[in-house]
Amino acid sequence: MLKALLIVFIFSVYLPSLASDLVNIPSGKLRAIWLAPVTAKNKKALPEFSVNGFLMMRYAVTREQFKDFLKNHPAWSKENAVLPFVDQTYLEDWANPNLDARSPVTEVSWFAAKAYCDSLGMRLPTVNEWEYAAAASEKAKDANKNPQFLKRILEWYGEPRGKTLKKVGAIYKNIYGLWDMHGLIWEWVDDFNSSFVTGESRQDSSLNKDMFCGAGAMSSGDKENYAAFMRFAFRSSLKGSSSVWNLGFRCVRDL
């Protein structure tokens, strides 16, 4: 009870802007295109997964917010962080004067992202939660069949690396009120290393081997969600210590 009251106190007194920027994501279901390769038999009956409602940060965590975190948790600074919790590129561009304080923090490991969320009494979203929230466009909760929505994502995936990252809130706001779920950065999820599974990722660790071959990839959810396959392929290449120039995160909180 005291711990819960303390968390509420911290949110209300020390972190007013962060507390007001949590978006309520309602419970629902989403067609799990990535959980089974499509065949003629199951193309119209792909499995669905259910997601319980949760709170999610409206924006990805910014450099400014992560800087405040480092002041209170210096063990995660570039100078102090140690292997195997980070790699050699951890916060490599941290001192770059061209990066705005309101741009998303990147080059952070999964361990560092988790520590940040833990410090707020929050956590990283699961794969299912992130995909559920990210399936929404400006006007629809599930835009995975919208050609323009998918085209926009795939075009972003193909863009070359720029000199700087845009500020959070620069791309688009989806129907839930979440900004930049696509088009700004890739984002860590809690169970990133159990991406290719045949069932709910916390309970089933069996690899869906068909997803790894070219034919399986193209058939997974048909071409309508090749973007989702690219995300899962990217996640499967990561380690907990990985730091990537366009990989950041946002936190969630259980209702």
C-alpha atoms as a PDB file:
ATOM      1  CA  MET A   1       0.000   0.000   0.000  1.00  0.00           C
ATOM      2  CA  LEU A   2       2.777   2.418   0.966  1.00  0.00           C
ATOM      3  CA  LYS A   3       4.676   1.578  -2.219  1.00  0.00           C
ATOM      4  CA  ALA A   4       1.586   2.312  -4.347  1.00  0.00           C
ATOM      5  CA  LEU A   5       1.036   5.639  -2.558  1.00  0.00           C
ATOM      6  CA  LEU A   6       4.687   6.546  -3.061  1.00  0.00           C
ATOM      7  CA  ILE A   7       4.459   5.889  -6.810  1.00  0.00           C
ATOM      8  CA  VAL A   8       1.350   8.074  -7.043  1.00  0.00           C
ATOM      9  CA  PHE A   9       3.140  10.801  -5.073  1.00  0.00           C
ATOM     10  CA  ILE A  10       6.155  10.715  -7.397  1.00  0.00           C
ATOM     11  CA  PHE A  11       3.965  10.925 -10.500  1.00  0.00           C
ATOM     12  CA  SER A  12       1.850  13.772  -9.110  1.00  0.00           C
ATOM     13  CA  VAL A  13       4.627  15.903  -7.589  1.00  0.00           C
ATOM     14  CA  TYR A  14       7.926  15.236  -9.328  1.00  0.00           C
ATOM     15  CA  LEU A  15       6.766  14.078 -12.734  1.00  0.00           C
ATOM     16  CA  PRO A  16       3.601  16.054 -13.570  1.00  0.00           C
ATOM     17  CA  SER A  17       4.288  16.309 -17.298  1.00  0.00           C
ATOM     18  CA  LEU A  18       5.030  12.594 -17.596  1.00  0.00           C
ATOM     19  CA  ALA A  19       1.949  11.583 -15.613  1.00  0.00           C
ATOM     20  CA  SER A  20      -0.270  13.693 -17.839  1.00  0.00           C
ATOM     21  CA  ASP A  21       1.237  12.125 -20.943  1.00  0.00           C
ATOM     22  CA  LEU A  22       0.074   8.578 -20.277  1.00  0.00           C
ATOM     23  CA  VAL A  23      -2.541   7.409 -22.769  1.00  0.00           C
ATOM     24  CA  ASN A  24      -5.239   4.909 -21.828  1.00  0.00           C
ATOM     25  CA  ILE A  25      -5.164   2.034 -24.322  1.00  0.00           C
ATOM     26  CA  PRO A  26      -8.427   0.053 -24.028  1.00  0.00           C
ATOM     27  CA  SER A  27      -8.652  -3.731 -24.003  1.00  0.00           C
ATOM     28  CA  GLY A  28      -9.173  -5.390 -27.355  1.00  0.00           C
ATOM     29  CA  LYS A  29      -8.094  -7.975 -29.895  1.00  0.00           C
ATOM     30  CA  LEU A  30      -5.826  -7.942 -32.905  1.00  0.00           C
ATOM     31  CA  ARG A  31      -5.296 -10.450 -35.694  1.00  0.00           C
ATOM     32  CA  ALA A  32      -1.959 -12.097 -34.938  1.00  0.00           C
ATOM     33  CA  ILE A  33      -0.484 -12.071 -38.425  1.00  0.00           C
ATOM     34  CA  TRP A  34       2.990 -12.808 -37.090  1.00  0.00           C
ATOM     35  CA  LEU A  35       2.021 -15.902 -35.104  1.00  0.00           C
ATOM     36  CA  ALA A  36       1.357 -18.250 -38.019  1.00  0.00           C
ATOM     37  CA  PRO A  37       2.350 -18.409 -41.690  1.00  0.00           C
ATOM     38  CA  VAL A  38      -0.581 -17.974 -44.013  1.00  0.00           C
ATOM     39  CA  THR A  39      -1.811 -20.913 -46.046  1.00  0.00           C
ATOM     40  CA  ALA A  40      -4.816 -21.363 -48.265  1.00  0.00           C
ATOM     41  CA  LYS A  41      -6.600 -22.951 -45.309  1.00  0.00           C
ATOM     42  CA  ASN A  42      -5.934 -20.393 -42.605  1.00  0.00           C
ATOM     43  CA  LYS A  43      -5.655 -17.167 -44.594  1.00  0.00           C
ATOM     44  CA  LYS A  44      -9.067 -15.987 -43.413  1.00  0.00           C
ATOM     45  CA  ALA A  45      -8.760 -17.431 -39.938  1.00  0.00           C
ATOM     46  CA  LEU A  46      -5.483 -16.155 -38.547  1.00  0.00           C
ATOM     47  CA  PRO A  47      -5.335 -16.329 -34.760  1.00  0.00           C
ATOM     48  CA  GLU A  48      -6.258 -13.333 -32.667  1.00  0.00           C
ATOM     49  CA  PHE A  49      -4.751 -12.301 -29.380  1.00  0.00           C
ATOM     50  CA  SER A  50      -6.386 -10.350 -26.597  1.00  0.00           C
ATOM     51  CA  VAL A  51      -4.774  -7.424 -24.835  1.00  0.00           C
ATOM     52  CA  ASN A  52      -5.841  -6.074 -21.473  1.00  0.00           C
ATOM     53  CA  GLY A  53      -6.083  -2.327 -21.157  1.00  0.00           C
ATOM     54  CA  PHE A  54      -2.935  -0.455 -20.133  1.00  0.00           C
ATOM     55  CA  LEU A  55      -1.415   3.021 -19.989  1.00  0.00           C
ATOM     56  CA  MET A  56       1.280   3.973 -22.475  1.00  0.00           C
ATOM     57  CA  MET A  57       3.545   6.995 -22.805  1.00  0.00           C
ATOM     58  CA  ARG A  58       2.200   9.394 -25.388  1.00  0.00           C
ATOM     59  CA  TYR A  59       5.714   9.989 -26.729  1.00  0.00           C
ATOM     60  CA  ALA A  60       8.917   8.002 -26.872  1.00  0.00           C
ATOM     61  CA  VAL A  61      11.306   8.812 -24.022  1.00  0.00           C
ATOM     62  CA  THR A  62      13.316  11.910 -24.917  1.00  0.00           C
ATOM     63  CA  ARG A  63      16.970  12.758 -24.425  1.00  0.00           C
ATOM     64  CA  GLU A  64      15.926  15.340 -21.868  1.00  0.00           C
ATOM     65  CA  GLN A  65      14.014  12.762 -19.835  1.00  0.00           C
ATOM     66  CA  PHE A  66      16.833  10.248 -20.040  1.00  0.00           C
ATOM     67  CA  LYS A  67      19.306  12.928 -18.959  1.00  0.00           C
ATOM     68  CA  ASP A  68      17.254  13.467 -15.791  1.00  0.00           C
ATOM     69  CA  PHE A  69      17.279   9.708 -15.231  1.00  0.00           C
ATOM     70  CA  LEU A  70      21.075   9.610 -15.496  1.00  0.00           C
ATOM     71  CA  LYS A  71      21.420  12.326 -12.871  1.00  0.00           C
ATOM     72  CA  ASN A  72      19.695  10.077 -10.347  1.00  0.00           C
ATOM     73  CA  HIS A  73      21.104   6.816 -11.712  1.00  0.00           C
ATOM     74  CA  PRO A  74      24.722   7.567 -12.726  1.00  0.00           C
ATOM     75  CA  ALA A  75      25.465   3.855 -13.005  1.00  0.00           C
ATOM     76  CA  TRP A  76      23.745   4.014 -16.408  1.00  0.00           C
ATOM     77  CA  SER A  77      25.824   6.901 -17.756  1.00  0.00           C
ATOM     78  CA  LYS A  78      28.074   6.208 -20.720  1.00  0.00           C
ATOM     79  CA  GLU A  79      31.125   6.402 -18.463  1.00  0.00           C
ATOM     80  CA  ASN A  80      29.822   4.013 -15.810  1.00  0.00           C
ATOM     81  CA  ALA A  81      27.617   1.481 -17.619  1.00  0.00           C
ATOM     82  CA  VAL A  82      29.306  -1.895 -17.918  1.00  0.00           C
ATOM     83  CA  LEU A  83      29.204  -5.027 -20.023  1.00  0.00           C
ATOM     84  CA  PRO A  84      27.151  -7.169 -20.449  1.00  0.00           C
ATOM     85  CA  PHE A  85      24.379  -4.620 -19.878  1.00  0.00           C
ATOM     86  CA  VAL A  86      25.518  -2.323 -22.703  1.00  0.00           C
ATOM     87  CA  ASP A  87      27.696  -2.625 -25.777  1.00  0.00           C
ATOM     88  CA  GLN A  88      30.429  -0.379 -27.157  1.00  0.00           C
ATOM     89  CA  THR A  89      27.971   1.901 -28.966  1.00  0.00           C
ATOM     90  CA  TYR A  90      25.849   2.664 -25.880  1.00  0.00           C
ATOM     91  CA  LEU A  91      24.961   6.393 -25.927  1.00  0.00           C
ATOM     92  CA  GLU A  92      27.673   6.823 -28.554  1.00  0.00           C
ATOM     93  CA  ASP A  93      26.151  10.036 -29.889  1.00  0.00           C
ATOM     94  CA  TRP A  94      25.144  11.350 -26.453  1.00  0.00           C
ATOM     95  CA  ALA A  95      27.354  14.448 -26.641  1.00  0.00           C
ATOM     96  CA  ASN A  96      26.232  15.405 -30.167  1.00  0.00           C
ATOM     97  CA  PRO A  97      25.273  19.116 -29.963  1.00  0.00           C
ATOM     98  CA  ASN A  98      23.036  18.798 -33.030  1.00  0.00           C
ATOM     99  CA  LEU A  99      20.551  16.531 -31.247  1.00  0.00           C
ATOM    100  CA  ASP A 100      17.612  18.314 -29.664  1.00  0.00           C
ATOM    101  CA  ALA A 101      16.623  17.612 -26.059  1.00  0.00           C
ATOM    102  CA  ARG A 102      13.127  16.774 -27.309  1.00  0.00           C
ATOM    103  CA  SER A 103      14.351  14.184 -29.785  1.00  0.00           C
ATOM    104  CA  PRO A 104      13.941  10.557 -28.689  1.00  0.00           C
ATOM    105  CA  VAL A 105      16.796   8.978 -26.794  1.00  0.00           C
ATOM    106  CA  THR A 106      18.395   6.176 -28.806  1.00  0.00           C
ATOM    107  CA  GLU A 107      21.517   4.030 -28.571  1.00  0.00           C
ATOM    108  CA  VAL A 108      20.189   2.622 -25.305  1.00  0.00           C
ATOM    109  CA  SER A 109      20.291  -1.049 -24.423  1.00  0.00           C
ATOM    110  CA  TRP A 110      17.268  -3.087 -23.348  1.00  0.00           C
ATOM    111  CA  PHE A 111      18.714  -3.184 -19.847  1.00  0.00           C
ATOM    112  CA  ALA A 112      18.982   0.601 -19.685  1.00  0.00           C
ATOM    113  CA  ALA A 113      15.484   1.075 -21.088  1.00  0.00           C
ATOM    114  CA  LYS A 114      14.096  -1.376 -18.556  1.00  0.00           C
ATOM    115  CA  ALA A 115      15.927   0.385 -15.721  1.00  0.00           C
ATOM    116  CA  TYR A 116      14.422   3.699 -16.797  1.00  0.00           C
ATOM    117  CA  CYS A 117      10.888   2.306 -16.798  1.00  0.00           C
ATOM    118  CA  ASP A 118      11.484   0.523 -13.490  1.00  0.00           C
ATOM    119  CA  SER A 119      12.543   3.818 -11.928  1.00  0.00           C
ATOM    120  CA  LEU A 120       9.075   5.197 -12.672  1.00  0.00           C
ATOM    121  CA  GLY A 121       7.189   2.154 -11.448  1.00  0.00           C
ATOM    122  CA  MET A 122       6.490   1.255 -15.078  1.00  0.00           C
ATOM    123  CA  ARG A 123       7.742  -1.344 -17.560  1.00  0.00           C
ATOM    124  CA  LEU A 124       8.469  -1.896 -21.225  1.00  0.00           C
ATOM    125  CA  PRO A 125       5.471  -3.001 -23.323  1.00  0.00           C
ATOM    126  CA  THR A 126       5.194  -6.598 -24.465  1.00  0.00           C
ATOM    127  CA  VAL A 127       5.381  -7.410 -28.161  1.00  0.00           C
ATOM    128  CA  ASN A 128       1.613  -7.925 -28.218  1.00  0.00           C
ATOM    129  CA  GLU A 129       0.893  -4.644 -26.449  1.00  0.00           C
ATOM    130  CA  TRP A 130       3.191  -2.663 -28.734  1.00  0.00           C
ATOM    131  CA  GLU A 131       1.863  -4.243 -31.932  1.00  0.00           C
ATOM    132  CA  TYR A 132      -1.711  -3.706 -30.738  1.00  0.00           C
ATOM    133  CA  ALA A 133      -1.136  -0.007 -30.036  1.00  0.00           C
ATOM    134  CA  ALA A 134       0.956   0.490 -33.174  1.00  0.00           C
ATOM    135  CA  ALA A 135      -1.670  -1.055 -35.464  1.00  0.00           C
ATOM    136  CA  ALA A 136      -3.757   2.099 -35.068  1.00  0.00           C
ATOM    137  CA  SER A 137      -3.715   4.854 -37.645  1.00  0.00           C
ATOM    138  CA  GLU A 138      -5.112   8.348 -37.250  1.00  0.00           C
ATOM    139  CA  LYS A 139      -8.641   7.086 -37.904  1.00  0.00           C
ATOM    140  CA  ALA A 140      -8.721   3.321 -37.245  1.00  0.00           C
ATOM    141  CA  LYS A 141      -7.743   1.072 -34.355  1.00  0.00           C
ATOM    142  CA  ASP A 142      -6.525  -1.619 -36.738  1.00  0.00           C
ATOM    143  CA  ALA A 143      -5.055  -0.272 -39.960  1.00  0.00           C
ATOM    144  CA  ASN A 144      -3.044  -3.372 -40.838  1.00  0.00           C
ATOM    145  CA  LYS A 145      -5.107  -3.827 -43.994  1.00  0.00           C
ATOM    146  CA  ASN A 146      -4.859  -0.185 -45.053  1.00  0.00           C
ATOM    147  CA  PRO A 147      -2.476   0.007 -48.044  1.00  0.00           C
ATOM    148  CA  GLN A 148      -1.595   3.647 -47.402  1.00  0.00           C
ATOM    149  CA  PHE A 149      -0.825   2.987 -43.745  1.00  0.00           C
ATOM    150  CA  LEU A 150       1.472   0.076 -44.614  1.00  0.00           C
ATOM    151  CA  LYS A 151       3.043   1.987 -47.503  1.00  0.00           C
ATOM    152  CA  ARG A 152       3.962   4.829 -45.168  1.00  0.00           C
ATOM    153  CA  ILE A 153       5.644   2.422 -42.731  1.00  0.00           C
ATOM    154  CA  LEU A 154       7.585   0.576 -45.433  1.00  0.00           C
ATOM    155  CA  GLU A 155       8.760   3.835 -47.008  1.00  0.00           C
ATOM    156  CA  TRP A 156      10.103   4.909 -43.625  1.00  0.00           C
ATOM    157  CA  TYR A 157      11.902   1.586 -43.192  1.00  0.00           C
ATOM    158  CA  GLY A 158      13.654   2.264 -46.487  1.00  0.00           C
ATOM    159  CA  GLU A 159      14.820   5.779 -45.652  1.00  0.00           C
ATOM    160  CA  PRO A 160      18.577   6.359 -45.287  1.00  0.00           C
ATOM    161  CA  ARG A 161      20.035   7.511 -41.993  1.00  0.00           C
ATOM    162  CA  GLY A 162      19.754  11.248 -41.482  1.00  0.00           C
ATOM    163  CA  LYS A 163      22.088  13.547 -39.587  1.00  0.00           C
ATOM    164  CA  THR A 164      19.623  14.087 -36.758  1.00  0.00           C
ATOM    165  CA  LEU A 165      16.365  12.655 -35.450  1.00  0.00           C
ATOM    166  CA  LYS A 166      13.183  14.694 -35.446  1.00  0.00           C
ATOM    167  CA  LYS A 167      11.583  15.753 -32.181  1.00  0.00           C
ATOM    168  CA  VAL A 168       8.917  13.548 -30.626  1.00  0.00           C
ATOM    169  CA  GLY A 169       5.456  14.532 -31.791  1.00  0.00           C
ATOM    170  CA  ALA A 170       6.698  15.300 -35.303  1.00  0.00           C
ATOM    171  CA  ILE A 171       5.244  12.394 -37.302  1.00  0.00           C
ATOM    172  CA  TYR A 172       1.595  11.559 -36.560  1.00  0.00           C
ATOM    173  CA  LYS A 173      -0.825  10.905 -33.704  1.00  0.00           C
ATOM    174  CA  ASN A 174      -2.906   7.742 -33.891  1.00  0.00           C
ATOM    175  CA  ILE A 175      -6.510   7.293 -32.859  1.00  0.00           C
ATOM    176  CA  TYR A 176      -5.518   6.523 -29.258  1.00  0.00           C
ATOM    177  CA  GLY A 177      -3.469   9.705 -28.945  1.00  0.00           C
ATOM    178  CA  LEU A 178      -0.042   8.029 -29.241  1.00  0.00           C
ATOM    179  CA  TRP A 179       2.579   9.882 -31.257  1.00  0.00           C
ATOM    180  CA  ASP A 180       5.153   8.471 -33.653  1.00  0.00           C
ATOM    181  CA  MET A 181       4.531   4.747 -33.259  1.00  0.00           C
ATOM    182  CA  HIS A 182       5.990   4.498 -36.769  1.00  0.00           C
ATOM    183  CA  GLY A 183       8.186   6.887 -38.676  1.00  0.00           C
ATOM    184  CA  LEU A 184      10.479   8.220 -35.954  1.00  0.00           C
ATOM    185  CA  ILE A 185      12.375   5.351 -34.280  1.00  0.00           C
ATOM    186  CA  TRP A 186      12.194   1.617 -33.638  1.00  0.00           C
ATOM    187  CA  GLU A 187      11.208   0.805 -30.050  1.00  0.00           C
ATOM    188  CA  TRP A 188      12.264  -1.786 -27.488  1.00  0.00           C
ATOM    189  CA  VAL A 189       9.700  -4.241 -26.178  1.00  0.00           C
ATOM    190  CA  ASP A 190      10.020  -6.328 -23.038  1.00  0.00           C
ATOM    191  CA  ASP A 191      10.003  -9.742 -24.735  1.00  0.00           C
ATOM    192  CA  PHE A 192      11.955  -8.760 -27.858  1.00  0.00           C
ATOM    193  CA  ASN A 193      13.936 -12.027 -27.789  1.00  0.00           C
ATOM    194  CA  SER A 194      10.851 -14.222 -28.121  1.00  0.00           C
ATOM    195  CA  SER A 195       9.544 -12.689 -31.321  1.00  0.00           C
ATOM    196  CA  PHE A 196       9.248 -15.757 -33.526  1.00  0.00           C
ATOM    197  CA  VAL A 197       6.809 -17.899 -31.615  1.00  0.00           C
ATOM    198  CA  THR A 198       3.738 -19.954 -32.339  1.00  0.00           C
ATOM    199  CA  GLY A 199       1.723 -18.673 -29.404  1.00  0.00           C
ATOM    200  CA  GLU A 200       1.581 -16.004 -26.726  1.00  0.00           C
ATOM    201  CA  SER A 201       5.200 -14.986 -26.266  1.00  0.00           C
ATOM    202  CA  ARG A 202       5.342 -15.351 -22.484  1.00  0.00           C
ATOM    203  CA  GLN A 203       4.086 -18.933 -22.576  1.00  0.00           C
ATOM    204  CA  ASP A 204       5.303 -20.447 -25.828  1.00  0.00           C
ATOM    205  CA  SER A 205       8.953 -20.483 -26.832  1.00  0.00           C
ATOM    206  CA  SER A 206       8.608 -22.734 -29.881  1.00  0.00           C
ATOM    207  CA  LEU A 207      10.204 -21.145 -32.926  1.00  0.00           C
ATOM    208  CA  ASN A 208       7.998 -20.587 -35.930  1.00  0.00           C
ATOM    209  CA  LYS A 209      10.622 -21.770 -38.410  1.00  0.00           C
ATOM    210  CA  ASP A 210       8.514 -20.981 -41.471  1.00  0.00           C
ATOM    211  CA  MET A 211       8.918 -17.297 -40.691  1.00  0.00           C
ATOM    212  CA  PHE A 212      12.662 -17.454 -41.281  1.00  0.00           C
ATOM    213  CA  CYS A 213      12.626 -18.559 -44.917  1.00  0.00           C
ATOM    214  CA  GLY A 214      11.855 -16.186 -47.775  1.00  0.00           C
ATOM    215  CA  ALA A 215       8.664 -17.990 -48.806  1.00  0.00           C
ATOM    216  CA  GLY A 216       7.430 -18.065 -45.249  1.00  0.00           C
ATOM    217  CA  ALA A 217       8.170 -14.390 -44.794  1.00  0.00           C
ATOM    218  CA  MET A 218       6.205 -13.373 -47.856  1.00  0.00           C
ATOM    219  CA  SER A 219       3.286 -15.571 -46.898  1.00  0.00           C
ATOM    220  CA  SER A 220       3.109 -14.398 -43.289  1.00  0.00           C
ATOM    221  CA  GLY A 221      -0.062 -12.389 -43.192  1.00  0.00           C
ATOM    222  CA  ASP A 222       0.332 -12.086 -46.953  1.00  0.00           C
ATOM    223  CA  LYS A 223       2.029  -8.921 -48.181  1.00  0.00           C
ATOM    224  CA  GLU A 224      -0.403  -6.871 -46.091  1.00  0.00           C
ATOM    225  CA  ASN A 225       1.868  -7.076 -43.076  1.00  0.00           C
ATOM    226  CA  TYR A 226       5.341  -7.435 -44.467  1.00  0.00           C
ATOM    227  CA  ALA A 227       6.100  -4.403 -42.297  1.00  0.00           C
ATOM    228  CA  ALA A 228       5.299  -6.453 -39.194  1.00  0.00           C
ATOM    229  CA  PHE A 229       7.607  -9.227 -40.382  1.00  0.00           C
ATOM    230  CA  MET A 230      10.420  -6.690 -40.754  1.00  0.00           C
ATOM    231  CA  ARG A 231       9.897  -5.568 -37.158  1.00  0.00           C
ATOM    232  CA  PHE A 232      10.047  -9.132 -35.891  1.00  0.00           C
ATOM    233  CA  ALA A 233      13.142  -9.871 -37.971  1.00  0.00           C
ATOM    234  CA  PHE A 234      14.804  -6.777 -36.542  1.00  0.00           C
ATOM    235  CA  ARG A 235      13.912  -7.710 -32.966  1.00  0.00           C
ATOM    236  CA  SER A 236      15.247 -11.235 -33.440  1.00  0.00           C
ATOM    237  CA  SER A 237      18.646  -9.758 -34.365  1.00  0.00           C
ATOM    238  CA  LEU A 238      18.972  -7.834 -31.094  1.00  0.00           C
ATOM    239  CA  LYS A 239      20.685  -8.684 -27.841  1.00  0.00           C
ATOM    240  CA  GLY A 240      19.845  -7.111 -24.505  1.00  0.00           C
ATOM    241  CA  SER A 241      23.038  -5.080 -24.709  1.00  0.00           C
ATOM    242  CA  SER A 242      22.396  -3.834 -28.264  1.00  0.00           C
ATOM    243  CA  SER A 243      22.461  -0.098 -28.898  1.00  0.00           C
ATOM    244  CA  VAL A 244      21.201   1.140 -32.262  1.00  0.00           C
ATOM    245  CA  TRP A 245      21.189   4.714 -33.588  1.00  0.00           C
ATOM    246  CA  ASN A 246      17.413   4.710 -34.217  1.00  0.00           C
ATOM    247  CA  LEU A 247      16.237   2.363 -31.450  1.00  0.00           C
ATOM    248  CA  GLY A 248      14.575   3.935 -28.419  1.00  0.00           C
ATOM    249  CA  PHE A 249      11.632   3.111 -26.185  1.00  0.00           C
ATOM    250  CA  ARG A 250       8.550   4.184 -24.282  1.00  0.00           C
ATOM    251  CA  CYS A 251       7.121   2.766 -21.071  1.00  0.00           C
ATOM    252  CA  VAL A 252       3.734   1.371 -20.126  1.00  0.00           C
ATOM    253  CA  ARG A 253       1.872   0.922 -16.871  1.00  0.00           C
ATOM    254  CA  ASP A 254      -0.740  -1.645 -15.916  1.00  0.00           C
ATOM    255  CA  LEU A 255      -4.221  -0.426 -15.144  1.00  0.00           C
END
